[in-house]
């Protein structure tokens, strides 16, 4: 459960060190990262707060999706597992030649799913696992990672797109799995439109980076 639908996307707080100040803004969730074996994470990541859920966005600083990169993902997942409310494997990394269709993506998703289930059994708690990826162009085939999300029992997608038709189509395909919509969200009307298209939660980045706390509180007030 979330106190509200609006959250802060990964990329603003890459390690969790800003969480103490972000807890006062009013976000229903904050996604920290991308956390990699190279960046690590701050101790603030593990502080529970029912008012603001914490997501851990994980990845690798190395390009592509070879076996070493996949190992980076699974190792980081194990490190953050007890420190967050949900996990997101980041596949939105153009500079690292990694997206939802990169060769090896199905192997990654399968490995992540198995690792999550094993760690969940050991810890006695199942943690939601999502993928973050670009939605692709309207009318084109869905990225392979979206199909793998259904096949391997992940919990949803952090979907980078401002195309409502594309969001709606992917939400229908996923058949009830969660979608967190991010990309181009600037107002309460944008939030409502994404939810109407099938998103469960909505994230901002530039709206907070450029507009600060005042803009976020204005959006939340309009939504309430």
C-alpha atoms as a PDB file:
ATOM      1  CA  UNK A   1       0.000   0.000   0.000  1.00  0.00           C
ATOM      2  CA  UNK A   2       1.080   3.565  -0.737  1.00  0.00           C
ATOM      3  CA  UNK A   3       0.014   6.827   0.899  1.00  0.00           C
ATOM      4  CA  UNK A   4      -0.476   8.354  -2.573  1.00  0.00           C
ATOM      5  CA  UNK A   5       0.230   7.496  -6.212  1.00  0.00           C
ATOM      6  CA  UNK A   6       3.032  10.019  -6.801  1.00  0.00           C
ATOM      7  CA  UNK A   7       6.675   9.025  -6.482  1.00  0.00           C
ATOM      8  CA  UNK A   8      10.165  10.187  -7.370  1.00  0.00           C
ATOM      9  CA  UNK A   9      11.917   8.306 -10.165  1.00  0.00           C
ATOM     10  CA  UNK A  10      15.369   6.781  -9.950  1.00  0.00           C
ATOM     11  CA  UNK A  11      18.218   9.031 -10.985  1.00  0.00           C
ATOM     12  CA  UNK A  12      17.651  11.834  -8.485  1.00  0.00           C
ATOM     13  CA  UNK A  13      18.928   9.991  -5.403  1.00  0.00           C
ATOM     14  CA  UNK A  14      21.374   7.385  -6.649  1.00  0.00           C
ATOM     15  CA  UNK A  15      22.446   5.882  -3.315  1.00  0.00           C
ATOM     16  CA  UNK A  16      19.785   6.774  -0.748  1.00  0.00           C
ATOM     17  CA  UNK A  17      21.780   9.500   0.981  1.00  0.00           C
ATOM     18  CA  UNK A  18      19.051  12.073   0.204  1.00  0.00           C
ATOM     19  CA  UNK A  19      16.231  10.020   1.728  1.00  0.00           C
ATOM     20  CA  UNK A  20      16.118  11.897   5.062  1.00  0.00           C
ATOM     21  CA  UNK A  21      15.181  15.148   3.270  1.00  0.00           C
ATOM     22  CA  UNK A  22      12.976  13.456   0.642  1.00  0.00           C
ATOM     23  CA  UNK A  23      10.805  11.935   3.389  1.00  0.00           C
ATOM     24  CA  UNK A  24       9.390  15.404   4.120  1.00  0.00           C
ATOM     25  CA  UNK A  25       8.316  16.238   0.545  1.00  0.00           C
ATOM     26  CA  UNK A  26       5.127  14.167   0.460  1.00  0.00           C
ATOM     27  CA  UNK A  27       5.998  11.466  -2.079  1.00  0.00           C
ATOM     28  CA  UNK A  28       4.230   8.145  -1.697  1.00  0.00           C
ATOM     29  CA  UNK A  29       7.425   6.408  -2.798  1.00  0.00           C
ATOM     30  CA  UNK A  30      10.990   7.164  -3.839  1.00  0.00           C
ATOM     31  CA  UNK A  31      13.007   4.942  -6.146  1.00  0.00           C
ATOM     32  CA  UNK A  32      16.701   5.021  -5.272  1.00  0.00           C
ATOM     33  CA  UNK A  33      19.412   4.244  -7.784  1.00  0.00           C
ATOM     34  CA  UNK A  34      20.530   2.950 -10.099  1.00  0.00           C
ATOM     35  CA  UNK A  35      22.462   1.027  -7.428  1.00  0.00           C
ATOM     36  CA  UNK A  36      25.362  -1.045  -8.796  1.00  0.00           C
ATOM     37  CA  UNK A  37      28.215  -2.958  -7.166  1.00  0.00           C
ATOM     38  CA  UNK A  38      30.359   0.094  -7.958  1.00  0.00           C
ATOM     39  CA  UNK A  39      28.090   2.753  -6.410  1.00  0.00           C
ATOM     40  CA  UNK A  40      26.824   0.895  -3.352  1.00  0.00           C
ATOM     41  CA  UNK A  41      24.108   2.448  -1.182  1.00  0.00           C
ATOM     42  CA  UNK A  42      23.751   4.706   1.836  1.00  0.00           C
ATOM     43  CA  UNK A  43      22.674   3.507   5.277  1.00  0.00           C
ATOM     44  CA  UNK A  44      19.473   5.582   5.023  1.00  0.00           C
ATOM     45  CA  UNK A  45      18.120   3.068   2.511  1.00  0.00           C
ATOM     46  CA  UNK A  46      17.227   0.643   5.278  1.00  0.00           C
ATOM     47  CA  UNK A  47      15.145   2.967   7.460  1.00  0.00           C
ATOM     48  CA  UNK A  48      11.467   1.894   7.320  1.00  0.00           C
ATOM     49  CA  UNK A  49       8.800   4.521   6.750  1.00  0.00           C
ATOM     50  CA  UNK A  50       5.183   3.559   6.123  1.00  0.00           C
ATOM     51  CA  UNK A  51       4.398   7.028   4.759  1.00  0.00           C
ATOM     52  CA  UNK A  52       6.933   6.704   1.932  1.00  0.00           C
ATOM     53  CA  UNK A  53       7.815   3.403   0.327  1.00  0.00           C
ATOM     54  CA  UNK A  54      11.368   2.876  -0.915  1.00  0.00           C
ATOM     55  CA  UNK A  55      12.232   1.167  -4.180  1.00  0.00           C
ATOM     56  CA  UNK A  56      15.748   0.005  -5.033  1.00  0.00           C
ATOM     57  CA  UNK A  57      16.637   0.390  -8.708  1.00  0.00           C
ATOM     58  CA  UNK A  58      19.496  -2.026  -9.458  1.00  0.00           C
ATOM     59  CA  UNK A  59      21.809  -2.534 -12.399  1.00  0.00           C
ATOM     60  CA  UNK A  60      25.391  -2.730 -13.583  1.00  0.00           C
ATOM     61  CA  UNK A  61      27.940  -0.080 -14.531  1.00  0.00           C
ATOM     62  CA  UNK A  62      29.198  -2.367 -17.312  1.00  0.00           C
ATOM     63  CA  UNK A  63      27.655  -2.368 -20.815  1.00  0.00           C
ATOM     64  CA  UNK A  64      25.499  -5.037 -22.402  1.00  0.00           C
ATOM     65  CA  UNK A  65      24.031  -8.103 -20.744  1.00  0.00           C
ATOM     66  CA  UNK A  66      26.763 -10.704 -20.583  1.00  0.00           C
ATOM     67  CA  UNK A  67      27.192 -13.157 -17.719  1.00  0.00           C
ATOM     68  CA  UNK A  68      29.244 -10.697 -15.668  1.00  0.00           C
ATOM     69  CA  UNK A  69      26.586  -8.010 -15.975  1.00  0.00           C
ATOM     70  CA  UNK A  70      23.839 -10.440 -14.983  1.00  0.00           C
ATOM     71  CA  UNK A  71      25.910 -11.365 -11.944  1.00  0.00           C
ATOM     72  CA  UNK A  72      26.094  -7.654 -11.036  1.00  0.00           C
ATOM     73  CA  UNK A  73      22.290  -7.512 -11.028  1.00  0.00           C
ATOM     74  CA  UNK A  74      21.811 -10.605  -8.877  1.00  0.00           C
ATOM     75  CA  UNK A  75      24.555  -9.626  -6.422  1.00  0.00           C
ATOM     76  CA  UNK A  76      23.080  -6.165  -5.951  1.00  0.00           C
ATOM     77  CA  UNK A  77      19.606  -7.645  -5.506  1.00  0.00           C
ATOM     78  CA  UNK A  78      20.862  -9.752  -2.616  1.00  0.00           C
ATOM     79  CA  UNK A  79      22.504  -6.690  -1.019  1.00  0.00           C
ATOM     80  CA  UNK A  80      19.416  -4.466  -1.103  1.00  0.00           C
ATOM     81  CA  UNK A  81      16.773  -7.137  -0.481  1.00  0.00           C
ATOM     82  CA  UNK A  82      16.151  -6.330   3.181  1.00  0.00           C
ATOM     83  CA  UNK A  83      16.519  -2.561   2.761  1.00  0.00           C
ATOM     84  CA  UNK A  84      13.591  -1.617   0.517  1.00  0.00           C
ATOM     85  CA  UNK A  85       9.906  -2.225  -0.212  1.00  0.00           C
ATOM     86  CA  UNK A  86      10.321  -3.234  -3.859  1.00  0.00           C
ATOM     87  CA  UNK A  87      13.122  -3.779  -6.387  1.00  0.00           C
ATOM     88  CA  UNK A  88      13.477  -2.635  -9.993  1.00  0.00           C
ATOM     89  CA  UNK A  89      15.966  -4.092 -12.457  1.00  0.00           C
ATOM     90  CA  UNK A  90      16.926  -1.204 -14.712  1.00  0.00           C
ATOM     91  CA  UNK A  91      16.904  -1.910 -18.461  1.00  0.00           C
ATOM     92  CA  UNK A  92      16.659   1.742 -19.464  1.00  0.00           C
ATOM     93  CA  UNK A  93      20.363   2.455 -19.989  1.00  0.00           C
ATOM     94  CA  UNK A  94      21.112   3.615 -23.569  1.00  0.00           C
ATOM     95  CA  UNK A  95      24.644   4.720 -22.697  1.00  0.00           C
ATOM     96  CA  UNK A  96      25.384   1.145 -21.596  1.00  0.00           C
ATOM     97  CA  UNK A  97      23.781  -0.414 -24.700  1.00  0.00           C
ATOM     98  CA  UNK A  98      21.057  -1.993 -22.578  1.00  0.00           C
ATOM     99  CA  UNK A  99      17.299  -1.978 -23.127  1.00  0.00           C
ATOM    100  CA  UNK A 100      14.290  -4.273 -23.182  1.00  0.00           C
ATOM    101  CA  UNK A 101      15.490  -6.050 -26.342  1.00  0.00           C
ATOM    102  CA  UNK A 102      19.190  -6.450 -25.555  1.00  0.00           C
ATOM    103  CA  UNK A 103      20.439 -10.019 -26.237  1.00  0.00           C
ATOM    104  CA  UNK A 104      20.478 -11.850 -22.935  1.00  0.00           C
ATOM    105  CA  UNK A 105      17.451 -10.067 -21.486  1.00  0.00           C
ATOM    106  CA  UNK A 106      15.422 -13.259 -21.097  1.00  0.00           C
ATOM    107  CA  UNK A 107      18.314 -14.925 -19.264  1.00  0.00           C
ATOM    108  CA  UNK A 108      18.544 -11.903 -16.972  1.00  0.00           C
ATOM    109  CA  UNK A 109      14.841 -11.898 -16.149  1.00  0.00           C
ATOM    110  CA  UNK A 110      14.817 -15.646 -15.472  1.00  0.00           C
ATOM    111  CA  UNK A 111      17.888 -15.371 -13.230  1.00  0.00           C
ATOM    112  CA  UNK A 112      16.439 -12.424 -11.328  1.00  0.00           C
ATOM    113  CA  UNK A 113      13.160 -14.246 -10.783  1.00  0.00           C
ATOM    114  CA  UNK A 114      14.887 -17.356  -9.440  1.00  0.00           C
ATOM    115  CA  UNK A 115      17.203 -15.297  -7.216  1.00  0.00           C
ATOM    116  CA  UNK A 116      14.300 -13.288  -5.823  1.00  0.00           C
ATOM    117  CA  UNK A 117      12.347 -16.452  -5.017  1.00  0.00           C
ATOM    118  CA  UNK A 118      15.333 -18.117  -3.321  1.00  0.00           C
ATOM    119  CA  UNK A 119      16.154 -15.062  -1.199  1.00  0.00           C
ATOM    120  CA  UNK A 120      12.463 -14.601  -0.374  1.00  0.00           C
ATOM    121  CA  UNK A 121      12.266 -18.167   0.914  1.00  0.00           C
ATOM    122  CA  UNK A 122      15.346 -17.661   3.082  1.00  0.00           C
ATOM    123  CA  UNK A 123      14.174 -14.284   4.437  1.00  0.00           C
ATOM    124  CA  UNK A 124      10.533 -15.315   4.869  1.00  0.00           C
ATOM    125  CA  UNK A 125       9.332 -12.297   2.891  1.00  0.00           C
ATOM    126  CA  UNK A 126       8.507 -11.987  -0.812  1.00  0.00           C
ATOM    127  CA  UNK A 127       9.686  -8.684  -2.243  1.00  0.00           C
ATOM    128  CA  UNK A 128       8.042  -7.315  -5.424  1.00  0.00           C
ATOM    129  CA  UNK A 129      10.345  -7.292  -8.459  1.00  0.00           C
ATOM    130  CA  UNK A 130       9.792  -5.083 -11.517  1.00  0.00           C
ATOM    131  CA  UNK A 131      11.707  -4.153 -14.672  1.00  0.00           C
ATOM    132  CA  UNK A 132      12.320  -0.582 -15.864  1.00  0.00           C
ATOM    133  CA  UNK A 133      12.354  -0.104 -19.616  1.00  0.00           C
ATOM    134  CA  UNK A 134      11.325   2.090 -22.507  1.00  0.00           C
ATOM    135  CA  UNK A 135       7.881   1.246 -23.887  1.00  0.00           C
ATOM    136  CA  UNK A 136       8.898   1.388 -27.547  1.00  0.00           C
ATOM    137  CA  UNK A 137       6.982   2.988 -30.398  1.00  0.00           C
ATOM    138  CA  UNK A 138       3.215   2.719 -30.622  1.00  0.00           C
ATOM    139  CA  UNK A 139       2.160  -0.019 -33.014  1.00  0.00           C
ATOM    140  CA  UNK A 140       5.459  -1.887 -32.777  1.00  0.00           C
ATOM    141  CA  UNK A 141       6.061  -5.213 -31.025  1.00  0.00           C
ATOM    142  CA  UNK A 142       6.534  -5.011 -27.275  1.00  0.00           C
ATOM    143  CA  UNK A 143      10.122  -5.265 -26.001  1.00  0.00           C
ATOM    144  CA  UNK A 144      11.132  -8.841 -25.210  1.00  0.00           C
ATOM    145  CA  UNK A 145      11.537  -7.967 -21.522  1.00  0.00           C
ATOM    146  CA  UNK A 146       7.822  -7.194 -21.234  1.00  0.00           C
ATOM    147  CA  UNK A 147       6.965 -10.666 -22.460  1.00  0.00           C
ATOM    148  CA  UNK A 148       9.550 -12.162 -20.088  1.00  0.00           C
ATOM    149  CA  UNK A 149       7.912 -10.299 -17.211  1.00  0.00           C
ATOM    150  CA  UNK A 150       4.791 -12.404 -17.674  1.00  0.00           C
ATOM    151  CA  UNK A 151       6.607 -15.652 -18.375  1.00  0.00           C
ATOM    152  CA  UNK A 152       8.843 -15.541 -15.303  1.00  0.00           C
ATOM    153  CA  UNK A 153       6.366 -14.196 -12.766  1.00  0.00           C
ATOM    154  CA  UNK A 154       7.634 -10.706 -12.107  1.00  0.00           C
ATOM    155  CA  UNK A 155       5.317  -8.169 -10.494  1.00  0.00           C
ATOM    156  CA  UNK A 156       5.286  -5.415 -13.097  1.00  0.00           C
ATOM    157  CA  UNK A 157       7.023  -2.750 -15.139  1.00  0.00           C
ATOM    158  CA  UNK A 158       8.357   0.738 -14.535  1.00  0.00           C
ATOM    159  CA  UNK A 159       7.372   1.975 -17.978  1.00  0.00           C
ATOM    160  CA  UNK A 160       9.176   4.920 -19.562  1.00  0.00           C
ATOM    161  CA  UNK A 161       6.694   6.508 -21.979  1.00  0.00           C
ATOM    162  CA  UNK A 162       4.448   9.533 -22.389  1.00  0.00           C
ATOM    163  CA  UNK A 163       2.240   7.779 -24.976  1.00  0.00           C
ATOM    164  CA  UNK A 164      -1.085   6.954 -23.340  1.00  0.00           C
ATOM    165  CA  UNK A 165      -2.051   4.482 -26.064  1.00  0.00           C
ATOM    166  CA  UNK A 166       1.188   2.561 -25.552  1.00  0.00           C
ATOM    167  CA  UNK A 167       0.761   2.528 -21.782  1.00  0.00           C
ATOM    168  CA  UNK A 168      -2.811   1.305 -22.192  1.00  0.00           C
ATOM    169  CA  UNK A 169      -1.780  -1.468 -24.599  1.00  0.00           C
ATOM    170  CA  UNK A 170       1.000  -2.739 -22.344  1.00  0.00           C
ATOM    171  CA  UNK A 171      -1.247  -2.595 -19.274  1.00  0.00           C
ATOM    172  CA  UNK A 172      -3.784  -4.734 -21.107  1.00  0.00           C
ATOM    173  CA  UNK A 173      -1.103  -7.221 -22.161  1.00  0.00           C
ATOM    174  CA  UNK A 174       0.268  -7.524 -18.637  1.00  0.00           C
ATOM    175  CA  UNK A 175      -3.208  -8.430 -17.405  1.00  0.00           C
ATOM    176  CA  UNK A 176      -3.238  -6.900 -13.948  1.00  0.00           C
ATOM    177  CA  UNK A 177       0.499  -6.704 -13.201  1.00  0.00           C
ATOM    178  CA  UNK A 178       1.593  -3.342 -11.816  1.00  0.00           C
ATOM    179  CA  UNK A 179       2.720  -0.475 -14.020  1.00  0.00           C
ATOM    180  CA  UNK A 180       4.607   2.506 -12.662  1.00  0.00           C
ATOM    181  CA  UNK A 181       4.449   5.230 -15.317  1.00  0.00           C
ATOM    182  CA  UNK A 182       7.376   7.644 -15.710  1.00  0.00           C
ATOM    183  CA  UNK A 183       8.365  10.168 -18.350  1.00  0.00           C
ATOM    184  CA  UNK A 184       6.962  13.639 -19.041  1.00  0.00           C
ATOM    185  CA  UNK A 185       4.778  13.871 -15.925  1.00  0.00           C
ATOM    186  CA  UNK A 186       4.438  17.537 -14.935  1.00  0.00           C
ATOM    187  CA  UNK A 187       0.952  18.032 -13.494  1.00  0.00           C
ATOM    188  CA  UNK A 188      -1.948  16.448 -11.643  1.00  0.00           C
ATOM    189  CA  UNK A 189      -3.722  16.024 -14.981  1.00  0.00           C
ATOM    190  CA  UNK A 190      -0.746  14.008 -16.256  1.00  0.00           C
ATOM    191  CA  UNK A 191      -0.982  11.764 -13.199  1.00  0.00           C
ATOM    192  CA  UNK A 192      -4.712  11.220 -13.709  1.00  0.00           C
ATOM    193  CA  UNK A 193      -4.188  10.421 -17.396  1.00  0.00           C
ATOM    194  CA  UNK A 194      -1.521   7.795 -16.638  1.00  0.00           C
ATOM    195  CA  UNK A 195      -3.725   6.149 -14.009  1.00  0.00           C
ATOM    196  CA  UNK A 196      -6.661   6.121 -16.429  1.00  0.00           C
ATOM    197  CA  UNK A 197      -4.397   4.425 -18.996  1.00  0.00           C
ATOM    198  CA  UNK A 198      -3.617   1.612 -16.546  1.00  0.00           C
ATOM    199  CA  UNK A 199      -0.789   2.779 -14.291  1.00  0.00           C
ATOM    200  CA  UNK A 200      -0.934   1.940 -10.600  1.00  0.00           C
ATOM    201  CA  UNK A 201       1.668   4.536  -9.620  1.00  0.00           C
ATOM    202  CA  UNK A 202       3.245   7.532 -11.352  1.00  0.00           C
ATOM    203  CA  UNK A 203       6.740   8.966 -10.998  1.00  0.00           C
ATOM    204  CA  UNK A 204       8.216  12.410 -11.638  1.00  0.00           C
ATOM    205  CA  UNK A 205      11.812  13.477 -12.095  1.00  0.00           C
ATOM    206  CA  UNK A 206      12.196  16.808 -13.895  1.00  0.00           C
ATOM    207  CA  UNK A 207       9.059  18.193 -12.226  1.00  0.00           C
ATOM    208  CA  UNK A 208      10.808  17.882  -8.871  1.00  0.00           C
ATOM    209  CA  UNK A 209      14.332  18.687 -10.070  1.00  0.00           C
ATOM    210  CA  UNK A 210      13.115  21.910 -11.711  1.00  0.00           C
ATOM    211  CA  UNK A 211      10.062  22.819  -9.624  1.00  0.00           C
ATOM    212  CA  UNK A 212      11.119  21.653  -6.195  1.00  0.00           C
ATOM    213  CA  UNK A 213       8.941  20.844  -3.209  1.00  0.00           C
ATOM    214  CA  UNK A 214       6.360  23.509  -4.072  1.00  0.00           C
ATOM    215  CA  UNK A 215       5.443  21.871  -7.377  1.00  0.00           C
ATOM    216  CA  UNK A 216       5.133  18.419  -5.833  1.00  0.00           C
ATOM    217  CA  UNK A 217       2.881  19.666  -3.059  1.00  0.00           C
ATOM    218  CA  UNK A 218       0.755  21.538  -5.591  1.00  0.00           C
ATOM    219  CA  UNK A 219       0.298  18.357  -7.624  1.00  0.00           C
ATOM    220  CA  UNK A 220      -0.572  16.362  -4.501  1.00  0.00           C
ATOM    221  CA  UNK A 221      -3.070  19.012  -3.393  1.00  0.00           C
ATOM    222  CA  UNK A 222      -4.779  18.944  -6.787  1.00  0.00           C
ATOM    223  CA  UNK A 223      -4.913  15.156  -6.733  1.00  0.00           C
ATOM    224  CA  UNK A 224      -6.447  15.109  -3.267  1.00  0.00           C
END
